[in-house]
Amino acid sequence: MVAVLMNHVVLDNLLEKYYHQLKIIVILFQQNMHFDLLWKSFMKLDLLIL
């Protein structure tokens, strides 16, 4: 699973719960997407681009 995360807060929260399910974590600093989209799509997508 590859996740592209918006910021360190999101990264920290997801690392706490889902670190064992991640293969690669890419931090991308963008503000044009909402956390809800990330949260709802996180477990369904192999690659999430924000």
C-alpha atoms as a PDB file:
ATOM      1  CA  MET A   1       0.000   0.000   0.000  1.00  0.00           C
ATOM      2  CA  VAL A   2       1.224   3.463  -0.877  1.00  0.00           C
ATOM      3  CA  ALA A   3      -0.228   6.533   0.794  1.00  0.00           C
ATOM      4  CA  VAL A   4       0.370  10.147  -0.055  1.00  0.00           C
ATOM      5  CA  LEU A   5      -0.307  12.219   3.032  1.00  0.00           C
ATOM      6  CA  MET A   6      -1.069  15.899   3.457  1.00  0.00           C
ATOM      7  CA  ASN A   7       0.931  16.760   6.554  1.00  0.00           C
ATOM      8  CA  HIS A   8       2.732  15.424   9.607  1.00  0.00           C
ATOM      9  CA  VAL A   9      -0.441  15.353  11.698  1.00  0.00           C
ATOM     10  CA  VAL A  10      -2.139  13.020   9.243  1.00  0.00           C
ATOM     11  CA  LEU A  11       1.061  11.031   8.946  1.00  0.00           C
ATOM     12  CA  ASP A  12       1.356  10.590  12.707  1.00  0.00           C
ATOM     13  CA  ASN A  13      -2.279   9.553  13.078  1.00  0.00           C
ATOM     14  CA  LEU A  14      -2.084   6.999  10.284  1.00  0.00           C
ATOM     15  CA  LEU A  15       1.273   5.671  11.411  1.00  0.00           C
ATOM     16  CA  GLU A  16      -0.165   4.941  14.836  1.00  0.00           C
ATOM     17  CA  LYS A  17      -2.999   2.832  13.451  1.00  0.00           C
ATOM     18  CA  TYR A  18      -1.881   1.551  10.060  1.00  0.00           C
ATOM     19  CA  TYR A  19       1.898   1.450  10.015  1.00  0.00           C
ATOM     20  CA  HIS A  20       1.956  -2.327   9.665  1.00  0.00           C
ATOM     21  CA  GLN A  21      -0.155  -2.088   6.507  1.00  0.00           C
ATOM     22  CA  LEU A  22       1.969   0.494   4.744  1.00  0.00           C
ATOM     23  CA  LYS A  23       4.819  -0.264   2.423  1.00  0.00           C
ATOM     24  CA  ILE A  24       5.689   3.254   1.368  1.00  0.00           C
ATOM     25  CA  ILE A  25       4.651   6.566   2.867  1.00  0.00           C
ATOM     26  CA  VAL A  26       5.036   9.684   0.795  1.00  0.00           C
ATOM     27  CA  ILE A  27       4.502  13.029   2.432  1.00  0.00           C
ATOM     28  CA  LEU A  28       2.999  15.627   0.142  1.00  0.00           C
ATOM     29  CA  PHE A  29       2.281  19.076   1.474  1.00  0.00           C
ATOM     30  CA  GLN A  30      -0.905  20.247  -0.206  1.00  0.00           C
ATOM     31  CA  GLN A  31      -3.985  21.931   1.190  1.00  0.00           C
ATOM     32  CA  ASN A  32      -6.489  21.488  -1.632  1.00  0.00           C
ATOM     33  CA  MET A  33      -7.833  18.130  -0.460  1.00  0.00           C
ATOM     34  CA  HIS A  34      -9.785  17.307   2.667  1.00  0.00           C
ATOM     35  CA  PHE A  35      -8.872  14.805   5.344  1.00  0.00           C
ATOM     36  CA  ASP A  36     -12.231  13.046   4.877  1.00  0.00           C
ATOM     37  CA  LEU A  37     -11.269  12.046   1.352  1.00  0.00           C
ATOM     38  CA  LEU A  38      -8.010  10.611   2.589  1.00  0.00           C
ATOM     39  CA  TRP A  39      -9.657   8.782   5.475  1.00  0.00           C
ATOM     40  CA  LYS A  40     -12.438   7.218   3.394  1.00  0.00           C
ATOM     41  CA  SER A  41     -10.139   6.218   0.558  1.00  0.00           C
ATOM     42  CA  PHE A  42      -7.108   5.199   2.565  1.00  0.00           C
ATOM     43  CA  MET A  43      -7.912   1.525   3.019  1.00  0.00           C
ATOM     44  CA  LYS A  44      -9.320   1.083  -0.491  1.00  0.00           C
ATOM     45  CA  LEU A  45      -6.567   2.457  -2.693  1.00  0.00           C
ATOM     46  CA  ASP A  46      -3.071   1.244  -3.408  1.00  0.00           C
ATOM     47  CA  LEU A  47      -2.022   4.752  -4.352  1.00  0.00           C
ATOM     48  CA  LEU A  48      -3.688   7.853  -2.961  1.00  0.00           C
ATOM     49  CA  ILE A  49      -2.602  11.144  -4.500  1.00  0.00           C
ATOM     50  CA  LEU A  50      -3.734  14.341  -2.832  1.00  0.00           C
END
